[in-house]
């Protein structure tokens, strides 16, 4: 498989004084060798979803892992790679202003939740 296209959306909120970010990623996958998959599906007598589901779960895990590693590395570098700071400023202005400092994201360490879906 390879990623044909993707879209992402970040939603932020302050919950009990804790910043939280939800990252939603919608991915369109393209199977490189569809003919092999179709043959395996027909020969095994299984449903198509039984053949493709493990591939989708593997891709979902890999995408989540990459996003979470990117976030952790950005925390180490004190860089806002995912651009969360402007989102907190835009949608949680009062809470953001009370917490704002030059190292906002490294001090409060927002919790992230990554959701991946496929079309």
PDB file of N, CA and C in Angstrom:
ATOM      1  N   UNK A   1       0.832  -1.201   0.000  1.00  0.00           N
ATOM      2  CA  UNK A   1       0.000   0.000   0.000  1.00  0.00           C
ATOM      3  C   UNK A   1       0.864   1.247   0.000  1.00  0.00           C
ATOM      4  N   UNK A   2       0.281   2.313  -0.457  1.00  0.00           N
ATOM      5  CA  UNK A   2       0.874   3.629  -0.324  1.00  0.00           C
ATOM      6  C   UNK A   2      -0.255   4.628  -0.108  1.00  0.00           C
ATOM      7  N   UNK A   3       0.082   5.746   0.473  1.00  0.00           N
ATOM      8  CA  UNK A   3      -0.925   6.763   0.781  1.00  0.00           C
ATOM      9  C   UNK A   3      -1.181   7.582  -0.469  1.00  0.00           C
ATOM     10  N   UNK A   4      -2.401   7.509  -0.961  1.00  0.00           N
ATOM     11  CA  UNK A   4      -2.799   8.246  -2.163  1.00  0.00           C
ATOM     12  C   UNK A   4      -3.082   9.701  -1.809  1.00  0.00           C
ATOM     13  N   UNK A   5      -3.804   9.923  -0.712  1.00  0.00           N
ATOM     14  CA  UNK A   5      -4.062  11.280  -0.231  1.00  0.00           C
ATOM     15  C   UNK A   5      -4.402  11.218   1.251  1.00  0.00           C
ATOM     16  N   UNK A   6      -4.299  12.359   1.888  1.00  0.00           N
ATOM     17  CA  UNK A   6      -4.652  12.428   3.314  1.00  0.00           C
ATOM     18  C   UNK A   6      -5.069  13.846   3.677  1.00  0.00           C
ATOM     19  N   UNK A   7      -5.895  13.927   4.683  1.00  0.00           N
ATOM     20  CA  UNK A   7      -6.328  15.203   5.248  1.00  0.00           C
ATOM     21  C   UNK A   7      -6.256  15.066   6.758  1.00  0.00           C
ATOM     22  N   UNK A   8      -5.902  16.159   7.407  1.00  0.00           N
ATOM     23  CA  UNK A   8      -5.856  16.107   8.861  1.00  0.00           C
ATOM     24  C   UNK A   8      -6.575  17.310   9.447  1.00  0.00           C
ATOM     25  N   UNK A   9      -7.017  17.132  10.679  1.00  0.00           N
ATOM     26  CA  UNK A   9      -7.732  18.164  11.392  1.00  0.00           C
ATOM     27  C   UNK A   9      -7.305  18.088  12.853  1.00  0.00           C
ATOM     28  N   UNK A  10      -7.040  19.246  13.442  1.00  0.00           N
ATOM     29  CA  UNK A  10      -6.640  19.286  14.852  1.00  0.00           C
ATOM     30  C   UNK A  10      -7.699  20.053  15.627  1.00  0.00           C
ATOM     31  N   UNK A  11      -8.198  19.433  16.691  1.00  0.00           N
ATOM     32  CA  UNK A  11      -9.150  20.089  17.587  1.00  0.00           C
ATOM     33  C   UNK A  11      -8.503  20.151  18.963  1.00  0.00           C
ATOM     34  N   UNK A  12      -8.570  21.333  19.568  1.00  0.00           N
ATOM     35  CA  UNK A  12      -7.953  21.505  20.880  1.00  0.00           C
ATOM     36  C   UNK A  12      -9.000  21.942  21.893  1.00  0.00           C
ATOM     37  N   UNK A  13      -8.720  21.638  23.150  1.00  0.00           N
ATOM     38  CA  UNK A  13      -9.590  22.090  24.238  1.00  0.00           C
ATOM     39  C   UNK A  13      -8.800  22.072  25.530  1.00  0.00           C
ATOM     40  N   UNK A  14      -9.292  22.826  26.479  1.00  0.00           N
ATOM     41  CA  UNK A  14      -8.731  22.809  27.822  1.00  0.00           C
ATOM     42  C   UNK A  14      -9.733  22.050  28.684  1.00  0.00           C
ATOM     43  N   UNK A  15      -9.253  21.038  29.367  1.00  0.00           N
ATOM     44  CA  UNK A  15     -10.117  20.222  30.207  1.00  0.00           C
ATOM     45  C   UNK A  15      -9.501  20.155  31.595  1.00  0.00           C
ATOM     46  N   UNK A  16     -10.167  20.753  32.565  1.00  0.00           N
ATOM     47  CA  UNK A  16      -9.658  20.831  33.945  1.00  0.00           C
ATOM     48  C   UNK A  16      -8.263  21.459  33.984  1.00  0.00           C
ATOM     49  N   UNK A  17      -8.062  22.500  33.192  1.00  0.00           N
ATOM     50  CA  UNK A  17      -6.782  23.184  33.155  1.00  0.00           C
ATOM     51  C   UNK A  17      -5.696  22.480  32.370  1.00  0.00           C
ATOM     52  N   UNK A  18      -6.028  21.351  31.772  1.00  0.00           N
ATOM     53  CA  UNK A  18      -5.066  20.579  30.989  1.00  0.00           C
ATOM     54  C   UNK A  18      -5.341  20.749  29.500  1.00  0.00           C
ATOM     55  N   UNK A  19      -4.331  21.109  28.715  1.00  0.00           N
ATOM     56  CA  UNK A  19      -4.550  21.213  27.269  1.00  0.00           C
ATOM     57  C   UNK A  19      -4.604  19.821  26.631  1.00  0.00           C
ATOM     58  N   UNK A  20      -5.581  19.654  25.745  1.00  0.00           N
ATOM     59  CA  UNK A  20      -5.733  18.376  25.036  1.00  0.00           C
ATOM     60  C   UNK A  20      -5.906  18.669  23.558  1.00  0.00           C
ATOM     61  N   UNK A  21      -5.297  17.831  22.735  1.00  0.00           N
ATOM     62  CA  UNK A  21      -5.402  17.977  21.289  1.00  0.00           C
ATOM     63  C   UNK A  21      -5.843  16.656  20.692  1.00  0.00           C
ATOM     64  N   UNK A  22      -6.820  16.725  19.794  1.00  0.00           N
ATOM     65  CA  UNK A  22      -7.290  15.543  19.078  1.00  0.00           C
ATOM     66  C   UNK A  22      -6.915  15.728  17.616  1.00  0.00           C
ATOM     67  N   UNK A  23      -6.141  14.812  17.103  1.00  0.00           N
ATOM     68  CA  UNK A  23      -5.679  14.882  15.721  1.00  0.00           C
ATOM     69  C   UNK A  23      -6.410  13.803  14.936  1.00  0.00           C
ATOM     70  N   UNK A  24      -7.195  14.242  13.954  1.00  0.00           N
ATOM     71  CA  UNK A  24      -7.928  13.302  13.114  1.00  0.00           C
ATOM     72  C   UNK A  24      -7.278  13.284  11.737  1.00  0.00           C
ATOM     73  N   UNK A  25      -6.974  12.103  11.266  1.00  0.00           N
ATOM     74  CA  UNK A  25      -6.318  11.946   9.965  1.00  0.00           C
ATOM     75  C   UNK A  25      -7.181  11.024   9.105  1.00  0.00           C
ATOM     76  N   UNK A  26      -7.556  11.514   7.930  1.00  0.00           N
ATOM     77  CA  UNK A  26      -8.312  10.700   6.981  1.00  0.00           C
ATOM     78  C   UNK A  26      -7.377  10.360   5.827  1.00  0.00           C
ATOM     79  N   UNK A  27      -7.269   9.080   5.544  1.00  0.00           N
ATOM     80  CA  UNK A  27      -6.282   8.595   4.583  1.00  0.00           C
ATOM     81  C   UNK A  27      -6.982   7.789   3.485  1.00  0.00           C
ATOM     82  N   UNK A  28      -6.535   8.006   2.253  1.00  0.00           N
ATOM     83  CA  UNK A  28      -6.953   7.165   1.137  1.00  0.00           C
ATOM     84  C   UNK A  28      -5.737   6.338   0.740  1.00  0.00           C
ATOM     85  N   UNK A  29      -5.870   5.016   0.866  1.00  0.00           N
ATOM     86  CA  UNK A  29      -4.768   4.112   0.530  1.00  0.00           C
ATOM     87  C   UNK A  29      -4.949   3.558  -0.878  1.00  0.00           C
ATOM     88  N   UNK A  30      -3.843   3.298  -1.503  1.00  0.00           N
ATOM     89  CA  UNK A  30      -3.849   2.638  -2.819  1.00  0.00           C
ATOM     90  C   UNK A  30      -3.029   1.358  -2.666  1.00  0.00           C
ATOM     91  N   UNK A  31      -3.638   0.228  -2.976  1.00  0.00           N
ATOM     92  CA  UNK A  31      -2.909  -1.026  -2.917  1.00  0.00           C
ATOM     93  C   UNK A  31      -2.030  -1.124  -4.155  1.00  0.00           C
ATOM     94  N   UNK A  32      -0.750  -1.419  -3.965  1.00  0.00           N
ATOM     95  CA  UNK A  32       0.178  -1.495  -5.088  1.00  0.00           C
ATOM     96  C   UNK A  32      -0.121  -2.663  -6.020  1.00  0.00           C
ATOM     97  N   UNK A  33      -0.403  -3.799  -5.440  1.00  0.00           N
ATOM     98  CA  UNK A  33      -0.652  -4.972  -6.267  1.00  0.00           C
ATOM     99  C   UNK A  33      -2.038  -5.518  -5.954  1.00  0.00           C
ATOM    100  N   UNK A  34      -3.029  -4.837  -6.459  1.00  0.00           N
ATOM    101  CA  UNK A  34      -4.408  -5.210  -6.176  1.00  0.00           C
ATOM    102  C   UNK A  34      -4.742  -6.605  -6.695  1.00  0.00           C
ATOM    103  N   UNK A  35      -4.127  -6.990  -7.783  1.00  0.00           N
ATOM    104  CA  UNK A  35      -4.436  -8.288  -8.380  1.00  0.00           C
ATOM    105  C   UNK A  35      -4.071  -9.439  -7.440  1.00  0.00           C
ATOM    106  N   UNK A  36      -2.949  -9.338  -6.751  1.00  0.00           N
ATOM    107  CA  UNK A  36      -2.563 -10.385  -5.803  1.00  0.00           C
ATOM    108  C   UNK A  36      -3.564 -10.458  -4.654  1.00  0.00           C
ATOM    109  N   UNK A  37      -3.988  -9.309  -4.193  1.00  0.00           N
ATOM    110  CA  UNK A  37      -4.944  -9.274  -3.081  1.00  0.00           C
ATOM    111  C   UNK A  37      -6.275  -9.879  -3.517  1.00  0.00           C
ATOM    112  N   UNK A  38      -6.728  -9.515  -4.705  1.00  0.00           N
ATOM    113  CA  UNK A  38      -7.991 -10.056  -5.211  1.00  0.00           C
ATOM    114  C   UNK A  38      -7.898 -11.568  -5.397  1.00  0.00           C
ATOM    115  N   UNK A  39      -6.774 -12.042  -5.942  1.00  0.00           N
ATOM    116  CA  UNK A  39      -6.588 -13.497  -6.112  1.00  0.00           C
ATOM    117  C   UNK A  39      -6.601 -14.208  -4.767  1.00  0.00           C
ATOM    118  N   UNK A  40      -5.865 -13.661  -3.803  1.00  0.00           N
ATOM    119  CA  UNK A  40      -5.815 -14.274  -2.468  1.00  0.00           C
ATOM    120  C   UNK A  40      -7.205 -14.277  -1.840  1.00  0.00           C
ATOM    121  N   UNK A  41      -7.940 -13.224  -2.038  1.00  0.00           N
ATOM    122  CA  UNK A  41      -9.289 -13.109  -1.488  1.00  0.00           C
ATOM    123  C   UNK A  41     -10.191 -14.172  -2.113  1.00  0.00           C
ATOM    124  N   UNK A  42     -10.145 -14.322  -3.428  1.00  0.00           N
ATOM    125  CA  UNK A  42     -11.008 -15.297  -4.111  1.00  0.00           C
ATOM    126  C   UNK A  42     -10.608 -16.734  -3.787  1.00  0.00           C
ATOM    127  N   UNK A  43      -9.292 -17.026  -3.741  1.00  0.00           N
ATOM    128  CA  UNK A  43      -8.820 -18.385  -3.482  1.00  0.00           C
ATOM    129  C   UNK A  43      -9.085 -18.827  -2.054  1.00  0.00           C
ATOM    130  N   UNK A  44      -9.012 -17.911  -1.113  1.00  0.00           N
ATOM    131  CA  UNK A  44      -9.171 -18.289   0.292  1.00  0.00           C
ATOM    132  C   UNK A  44     -10.634 -18.461   0.689  1.00  0.00           C
ATOM    133  N   UNK A  45     -11.527 -17.881  -0.109  1.00  0.00           N
ATOM    134  CA  UNK A  45     -12.941 -17.975   0.227  1.00  0.00           C
ATOM    135  C   UNK A  45     -13.344 -17.048   1.358  1.00  0.00           C
ATOM    136  N   UNK A  46     -12.446 -16.145   1.737  1.00  0.00           N
ATOM    137  CA  UNK A  46     -12.738 -15.193   2.801  1.00  0.00           C
ATOM    138  C   UNK A  46     -13.375 -13.935   2.210  1.00  0.00           C
ATOM    139  N   UNK A  47     -13.956 -13.150   3.086  1.00  0.00           N
ATOM    140  CA  UNK A  47     -14.505 -11.870   2.676  1.00  0.00           C
ATOM    141  C   UNK A  47     -13.350 -10.908   2.381  1.00  0.00           C
ATOM    142  N   UNK A  48     -13.605  -9.965   1.516  1.00  0.00           N
ATOM    143  CA  UNK A  48     -12.571  -8.983   1.160  1.00  0.00           C
ATOM    144  C   UNK A  48     -12.058  -8.244   2.406  1.00  0.00           C
ATOM    145  N   UNK A  49     -12.982  -7.903   3.305  1.00  0.00           N
ATOM    146  CA  UNK A  49     -12.587  -7.171   4.511  1.00  0.00           C
ATOM    147  C   UNK A  49     -11.649  -7.989   5.400  1.00  0.00           C
ATOM    148  N   UNK A  50     -11.781  -9.314   5.388  1.00  0.00           N
ATOM    149  CA  UNK A  50     -10.899 -10.162   6.183  1.00  0.00           C
ATOM    150  C   UNK A  50      -9.467 -10.135   5.644  1.00  0.00           C
ATOM    151  N   UNK A  51      -9.321  -9.888   4.350  1.00  0.00           N
ATOM    152  CA  UNK A  51      -7.994  -9.818   3.735  1.00  0.00           C
ATOM    153  C   UNK A  51      -7.381  -8.430   3.937  1.00  0.00           C
ATOM    154  N   UNK A  52      -8.198  -7.383   3.789  1.00  0.00           N
ATOM    155  CA  UNK A  52      -7.666  -6.012   3.833  1.00  0.00           C
ATOM    156  C   UNK A  52      -7.582  -5.442   5.258  1.00  0.00           C
ATOM    157  N   UNK A  53      -8.415  -5.923   6.159  1.00  0.00           N
ATOM    158  CA  UNK A  53      -8.440  -5.374   7.522  1.00  0.00           C
ATOM    159  C   UNK A  53      -7.068  -5.405   8.204  1.00  0.00           C
ATOM    160  N   UNK A  54      -6.323  -6.508   8.163  1.00  0.00           N
ATOM    161  CA  UNK A  54      -4.994  -6.499   8.797  1.00  0.00           C
ATOM    162  C   UNK A  54      -4.059  -5.440   8.200  1.00  0.00           C
ATOM    163  N   UNK A  55      -4.156  -5.227   6.896  1.00  0.00           N
ATOM    164  CA  UNK A  55      -3.335  -4.187   6.266  1.00  0.00           C
ATOM    165  C   UNK A  55      -3.719  -2.808   6.785  1.00  0.00           C
ATOM    166  N   UNK A  56      -5.010  -2.554   6.891  1.00  0.00           N
ATOM    167  CA  UNK A  56      -5.477  -1.255   7.376  1.00  0.00           C
ATOM    168  C   UNK A  56      -5.066  -1.022   8.833  1.00  0.00           C
ATOM    169  N   UNK A  57      -5.187  -2.058   9.664  1.00  0.00           N
ATOM    170  CA  UNK A  57      -4.782  -1.923  11.062  1.00  0.00           C
ATOM    171  C   UNK A  57      -3.282  -1.635  11.167  1.00  0.00           C
ATOM    172  N   UNK A  58      -2.489  -2.295  10.338  1.00  0.00           N
ATOM    173  CA  UNK A  58      -1.040  -2.056  10.351  1.00  0.00           C
ATOM    174  C   UNK A  58      -0.728  -0.618   9.948  1.00  0.00           C
ATOM    175  N   UNK A  59      -1.396  -0.125   8.919  1.00  0.00           N
ATOM    176  CA  UNK A  59      -1.188   1.262   8.500  1.00  0.00           C
ATOM    177  C   UNK A  59      -1.666   2.236   9.568  1.00  0.00           C
ATOM    178  N   UNK A  60      -2.796   1.953  10.186  1.00  0.00           N
ATOM    179  CA  UNK A  60      -3.313   2.825  11.235  1.00  0.00           C
ATOM    180  C   UNK A  60      -2.307   2.927  12.388  1.00  0.00           C
ATOM    181  N   UNK A  61      -1.793   1.771  12.830  1.00  0.00           N
ATOM    182  CA  UNK A  61      -0.806   1.766  13.911  1.00  0.00           C
ATOM    183  C   UNK A  61       0.448   2.550  13.525  1.00  0.00           C
ATOM    184  N   UNK A  62       0.914   2.357  12.304  1.00  0.00           N
ATOM    185  CA  UNK A  62       2.129   3.034  11.846  1.00  0.00           C
ATOM    186  C   UNK A  62       1.922   4.547  11.787  1.00  0.00           C
ATOM    187  N   UNK A  63       0.791   4.994  11.272  1.00  0.00           N
ATOM    188  CA  UNK A  63       0.512   6.429  11.181  1.00  0.00           C
ATOM    189  C   UNK A  63       0.417   7.038  12.577  1.00  0.00           C
ATOM    190  N   UNK A  64      -0.301   6.378  13.491  1.00  0.00           N
ATOM    191  CA  UNK A  64      -0.395   6.861  14.867  1.00  0.00           C
ATOM    192  C   UNK A  64       0.993   6.967  15.502  1.00  0.00           C
ATOM    193  N   UNK A  65       1.782   5.934  15.306  1.00  0.00           N
ATOM    194  CA  UNK A  65       3.125   5.891  15.883  1.00  0.00           C
ATOM    195  C   UNK A  65       3.978   7.054  15.368  1.00  0.00           C
ATOM    196  N   UNK A  66       3.921   7.322  14.075  1.00  0.00           N
ATOM    197  CA  UNK A  66       4.720   8.408  13.490  1.00  0.00           C
ATOM    198  C   UNK A  66       4.278   9.759  14.040  1.00  0.00           C
ATOM    199  N   UNK A  67       2.970   9.979  14.156  1.00  0.00           N
ATOM    200  CA  UNK A  67       2.469  11.255  14.676  1.00  0.00           C
ATOM    201  C   UNK A  67       2.874  11.419  16.142  1.00  0.00           C
ATOM    202  N   UNK A  68       2.728  10.371  16.930  1.00  0.00           N
ATOM    203  CA  UNK A  68       3.091  10.447  18.345  1.00  0.00           C
ATOM    204  C   UNK A  68       4.598  10.666  18.525  1.00  0.00           C
ATOM    205  N   UNK A  69       5.421  10.006  17.708  1.00  0.00           N
ATOM    206  CA  UNK A  69       6.868  10.213  17.778  1.00  0.00           C
ATOM    207  C   UNK A  69       7.235  11.637  17.369  1.00  0.00           C
ATOM    208  N   UNK A  70       6.548  12.165  16.367  1.00  0.00           N
ATOM    209  CA  UNK A  70       6.780  13.539  15.938  1.00  0.00           C
ATOM    210  C   UNK A  70       6.455  14.502  17.067  1.00  0.00           C
ATOM    211  N   UNK A  71       5.334  14.261  17.741  1.00  0.00           N
ATOM    212  CA  UNK A  71       4.953  15.113  18.859  1.00  0.00           C
ATOM    213  C   UNK A  71       5.976  15.044  19.987  1.00  0.00           C
ATOM    214  N   UNK A  72       6.414  13.828  20.330  1.00  0.00           N
ATOM    215  CA  UNK A  72       7.409  13.672  21.394  1.00  0.00           C
ATOM    216  C   UNK A  72       8.719  14.374  21.043  1.00  0.00           C
ATOM    217  N   UNK A  73       9.148  14.231  19.800  1.00  0.00           N
ATOM    218  CA  UNK A  73      10.390  14.885  19.372  1.00  0.00           C
ATOM    219  C   UNK A  73      10.244  16.400  19.402  1.00  0.00           C
ATOM    220  N   UNK A  74       9.070  16.900  19.010  1.00  0.00           N
ATOM    221  CA  UNK A  74       8.858  18.344  19.056  1.00  0.00           C
ATOM    222  C   UNK A  74       8.892  18.848  20.495  1.00  0.00           C
ATOM    223  N   UNK A  75       8.416  18.035  21.439  1.00  0.00           N
ATOM    224  CA  UNK A  75       8.494  18.402  22.855  1.00  0.00           C
ATOM    225  C   UNK A  75       9.952  18.500  23.299  1.00  0.00           C
ATOM    226  N   UNK A  76      10.763  17.513  22.899  1.00  0.00           N
ATOM    227  CA  UNK A  76      12.183  17.521  23.253  1.00  0.00           C
ATOM    228  C   UNK A  76      12.882  18.758  22.701  1.00  0.00           C
ATOM    229  N   UNK A  77      12.551  19.109  21.469  1.00  0.00           N
ATOM    230  CA  UNK A  77      13.197  20.247  20.801  1.00  0.00           C
ATOM    231  C   UNK A  77      12.552  21.581  21.145  1.00  0.00           C
ATOM    232  N   UNK A  78      11.467  21.529  21.910  1.00  0.00           N
ATOM    233  CA  UNK A  78      10.699  22.735  22.251  1.00  0.00           C
ATOM    234  C   UNK A  78      10.279  23.471  20.988  1.00  0.00           C
ATOM    235  N   UNK A  79       9.813  22.691  20.017  1.00  0.00           N
ATOM    236  CA  UNK A  79       9.341  23.235  18.750  1.00  0.00           C
ATOM    237  C   UNK A  79       7.875  22.832  18.565  1.00  0.00           C
ATOM    238  N   UNK A  80       7.108  23.714  17.983  1.00  0.00           N
ATOM    239  CA  UNK A  80       5.690  23.464  17.783  1.00  0.00           C
ATOM    240  C   UNK A  80       5.458  22.943  16.370  1.00  0.00           C
ATOM    241  N   UNK A  81       5.974  21.745  16.095  1.00  0.00           N
ATOM    242  CA  UNK A  81       5.918  21.168  14.753  1.00  0.00           C
ATOM    243  C   UNK A  81       4.476  20.962  14.299  1.00  0.00           C
ATOM    244  N   UNK A  82       3.598  20.559  15.202  1.00  0.00           N
ATOM    245  CA  UNK A  82       2.205  20.318  14.846  1.00  0.00           C
ATOM    246  C   UNK A  82       1.359  21.592  14.899  1.00  0.00           C
ATOM    247  N   UNK A  83       1.983  22.709  15.216  1.00  0.00           N
ATOM    248  CA  UNK A  83       1.328  24.021  15.277  1.00  0.00           C
ATOM    249  C   UNK A  83       0.121  24.015  16.209  1.00  0.00           C
ATOM    250  N   UNK A  84       0.330  23.520  17.416  1.00  0.00           N
ATOM    251  CA  UNK A  84      -0.740  23.477  18.397  1.00  0.00           C
ATOM    252  C   UNK A  84      -0.942  24.823  19.086  1.00  0.00           C
ATOM    253  N   UNK A  85       0.126  25.565  19.271  1.00  0.00           N
ATOM    254  CA  UNK A  85       0.037  26.833  19.993  1.00  0.00           C
ATOM    255  C   UNK A  85      -0.968  27.798  19.348  1.00  0.00           C
ATOM    256  N   UNK A  86      -0.946  28.003  18.022  1.00  0.00           N
ATOM    257  CA  UNK A  86      -1.961  28.886  17.425  1.00  0.00           C
ATOM    258  C   UNK A  86      -3.388  28.354  17.582  1.00  0.00           C
ATOM    259  N   UNK A  87      -3.532  27.029  17.582  1.00  0.00           N
ATOM    260  CA  UNK A  87      -4.861  26.451  17.762  1.00  0.00           C
ATOM    261  C   UNK A  87      -5.379  26.704  19.180  1.00  0.00           C
ATOM    262  N   UNK A  88      -4.502  26.551  20.186  1.00  0.00           N
ATOM    263  CA  UNK A  88      -4.919  26.849  21.553  1.00  0.00           C
ATOM    264  C   UNK A  88      -5.238  28.328  21.701  1.00  0.00           C
ATOM    265  N   UNK A  89      -4.452  29.185  21.077  1.00  0.00           N
ATOM    266  CA  UNK A  89      -4.715  30.624  21.146  1.00  0.00           C
ATOM    267  C   UNK A  89      -6.060  30.949  20.496  1.00  0.00           C
ATOM    268  N   UNK A  90      -6.350  30.327  19.373  1.00  0.00           N
ATOM    269  CA  UNK A  90      -7.583  30.614  18.629  1.00  0.00           C
ATOM    270  C   UNK A  90      -8.824  30.103  19.358  1.00  0.00           C
ATOM    271  N   UNK A  91      -8.769  28.899  19.904  1.00  0.00           N
ATOM    272  CA  UNK A  91      -9.978  28.277  20.440  1.00  0.00           C
ATOM    273  C   UNK A  91     -10.069  28.249  21.965  1.00  0.00           C
ATOM    274  N   UNK A  92      -8.978  28.507  22.651  1.00  0.00           N
ATOM    275  CA  UNK A  92      -8.977  28.499  24.125  1.00  0.00           C
ATOM    276  C   UNK A  92      -8.241  29.745  24.612  1.00  0.00           C
ATOM    277  N   UNK A  93      -8.637  30.894  24.120  1.00  0.00           N
ATOM    278  CA  UNK A  93      -7.870  32.130  24.313  1.00  0.00           C
ATOM    279  C   UNK A  93      -7.622  32.444  25.777  1.00  0.00           C
ATOM    280  N   UNK A  94      -8.655  32.489  26.598  1.00  0.00           N
ATOM    281  CA  UNK A  94      -8.482  32.887  28.000  1.00  0.00           C
ATOM    282  C   UNK A  94      -7.569  31.923  28.755  1.00  0.00           C
ATOM    283  N   UNK A  95      -7.805  30.631  28.573  1.00  0.00           N
ATOM    284  CA  UNK A  95      -6.953  29.642  29.236  1.00  0.00           C
ATOM    285  C   UNK A  95      -5.520  29.734  28.719  1.00  0.00           C
ATOM    286  N   UNK A  96      -5.381  29.926  27.421  1.00  0.00           N
ATOM    287  CA  UNK A  96      -4.056  30.035  26.815  1.00  0.00           C
ATOM    288  C   UNK A  96      -3.297  31.230  27.382  1.00  0.00           C
ATOM    289  N   UNK A  97      -3.965  32.382  27.467  1.00  0.00           N
ATOM    290  CA  UNK A  97      -3.297  33.589  27.963  1.00  0.00           C
ATOM    291  C   UNK A  97      -2.880  33.445  29.420  1.00  0.00           C
ATOM    292  N   UNK A  98      -3.644  32.685  30.200  1.00  0.00           N
ATOM    293  CA  UNK A  98      -3.259  32.488  31.600  1.00  0.00           C
ATOM    294  C   UNK A  98      -2.069  31.545  31.736  1.00  0.00           C
ATOM    295  N   UNK A  99      -1.868  30.662  30.750  1.00  0.00           N
ATOM    296  CA  UNK A  99      -0.759  29.707  30.790  1.00  0.00           C
ATOM    297  C   UNK A  99       0.418  30.114  29.918  1.00  0.00           C
ATOM    298  N   UNK A 100       0.222  31.095  29.026  1.00  0.00           N
ATOM    299  CA  UNK A 100       1.221  31.393  28.003  1.00  0.00           C
ATOM    300  C   UNK A 100       2.579  31.748  28.609  1.00  0.00           C
ATOM    301  N   UNK A 101       3.586  31.196  28.017  1.00  0.00           N
ATOM    302  CA  UNK A 101       4.974  31.489  28.340  1.00  0.00           C
ATOM    303  C   UNK A 101       5.766  31.160  27.091  1.00  0.00           C
ATOM    304  N   UNK A 102       7.032  31.554  27.020  1.00  0.00           N
ATOM    305  CA  UNK A 102       7.802  31.205  25.818  1.00  0.00           C
ATOM    306  C   UNK A 102       7.867  29.704  25.561  1.00  0.00           C
ATOM    307  N   UNK A 103       7.691  28.909  26.604  1.00  0.00           N
ATOM    308  CA  UNK A 103       7.769  27.459  26.455  1.00  0.00           C
ATOM    309  C   UNK A 103       6.429  26.820  26.783  1.00  0.00           C
ATOM    310  N   UNK A 104       5.344  27.429  26.321  1.00  0.00           N
ATOM    311  CA  UNK A 104       3.987  26.971  26.636  1.00  0.00           C
ATOM    312  C   UNK A 104       3.818  25.469  26.467  1.00  0.00           C
ATOM    313  N   UNK A 105       4.141  24.963  25.306  1.00  0.00           N
ATOM    314  CA  UNK A 105       3.863  23.554  25.023  1.00  0.00           C
ATOM    315  C   UNK A 105       4.759  22.606  25.803  1.00  0.00           C
ATOM    316  N   UNK A 106       5.987  23.016  26.090  1.00  0.00           N
ATOM    317  CA  UNK A 106       6.853  22.106  26.837  1.00  0.00           C
ATOM    318  C   UNK A 106       6.535  22.139  28.335  1.00  0.00           C
ATOM    319  N   UNK A 107       5.935  23.232  28.813  1.00  0.00           N
ATOM    320  CA  UNK A 107       5.596  23.300  30.223  1.00  0.00           C
ATOM    321  C   UNK A 107       4.331  22.517  30.550  1.00  0.00           C
ATOM    322  N   UNK A 108       3.308  22.677  29.732  1.00  0.00           N
ATOM    323  CA  UNK A 108       2.040  22.039  30.056  1.00  0.00           C
ATOM    324  C   UNK A 108       1.856  20.688  29.390  1.00  0.00           C
ATOM    325  N   UNK A 109       2.649  20.399  28.397  1.00  0.00           N
ATOM    326  CA  UNK A 109       2.632  19.112  27.696  1.00  0.00           C
ATOM    327  C   UNK A 109       1.216  18.643  27.370  1.00  0.00           C
ATOM    328  N   UNK A 110       0.651  19.173  26.310  1.00  0.00           N
ATOM    329  CA  UNK A 110      -0.701  18.740  25.927  1.00  0.00           C
ATOM    330  C   UNK A 110      -0.761  17.238  25.684  1.00  0.00           C
ATOM    331  N   UNK A 111      -1.891  16.673  25.996  1.00  0.00           N
ATOM    332  CA  UNK A 111      -2.118  15.263  25.695  1.00  0.00           C
ATOM    333  C   UNK A 111      -2.693  15.206  24.286  1.00  0.00           C
ATOM    334  N   UNK A 112      -2.192  14.292  23.476  1.00  0.00           N
ATOM    335  CA  UNK A 112      -2.727  14.162  22.125  1.00  0.00           C
ATOM    336  C   UNK A 112      -3.438  12.836  21.965  1.00  0.00           C
ATOM    337  N   UNK A 113      -4.444  12.858  21.129  1.00  0.00           N
ATOM    338  CA  UNK A 113      -5.215  11.662  20.797  1.00  0.00           C
ATOM    339  C   UNK A 113      -5.264  11.607  19.275  1.00  0.00           C
ATOM    340  N   UNK A 114      -4.722  10.568  18.690  1.00  0.00           N
ATOM    341  CA  UNK A 114      -4.646  10.456  17.240  1.00  0.00           C
ATOM    342  C   UNK A 114      -5.690   9.449  16.763  1.00  0.00           C
ATOM    343  N   UNK A 115      -6.529   9.877  15.836  1.00  0.00           N
ATOM    344  CA  UNK A 115      -7.537   9.005  15.227  1.00  0.00           C
ATOM    345  C   UNK A 115      -7.245   8.923  13.739  1.00  0.00           C
ATOM    346  N   UNK A 116      -7.210   7.712  13.212  1.00  0.00           N
ATOM    347  CA  UNK A 116      -6.942   7.509  11.783  1.00  0.00           C
ATOM    348  C   UNK A 116      -8.135   6.779  11.190  1.00  0.00           C
ATOM    349  N   UNK A 117      -8.616   7.285  10.066  1.00  0.00           N
ATOM    350  CA  UNK A 117      -9.693   6.595   9.359  1.00  0.00           C
ATOM    351  C   UNK A 117      -9.320   6.476   7.886  1.00  0.00           C
ATOM    352  N   UNK A 118      -9.910   5.493   7.231  1.00  0.00           N
ATOM    353  CA  UNK A 118      -9.593   5.229   5.835  1.00  0.00           C
ATOM    354  C   UNK A 118     -10.840   5.350   4.990  1.00  0.00           C
ATOM    355  N   UNK A 119     -10.642   5.824   3.775  1.00  0.00           N
ATOM    356  CA  UNK A 119     -11.742   5.928   2.807  1.00  0.00           C
ATOM    357  C   UNK A 119     -11.623   4.805   1.813  1.00  0.00           C
TER     358      UNK A 119
END
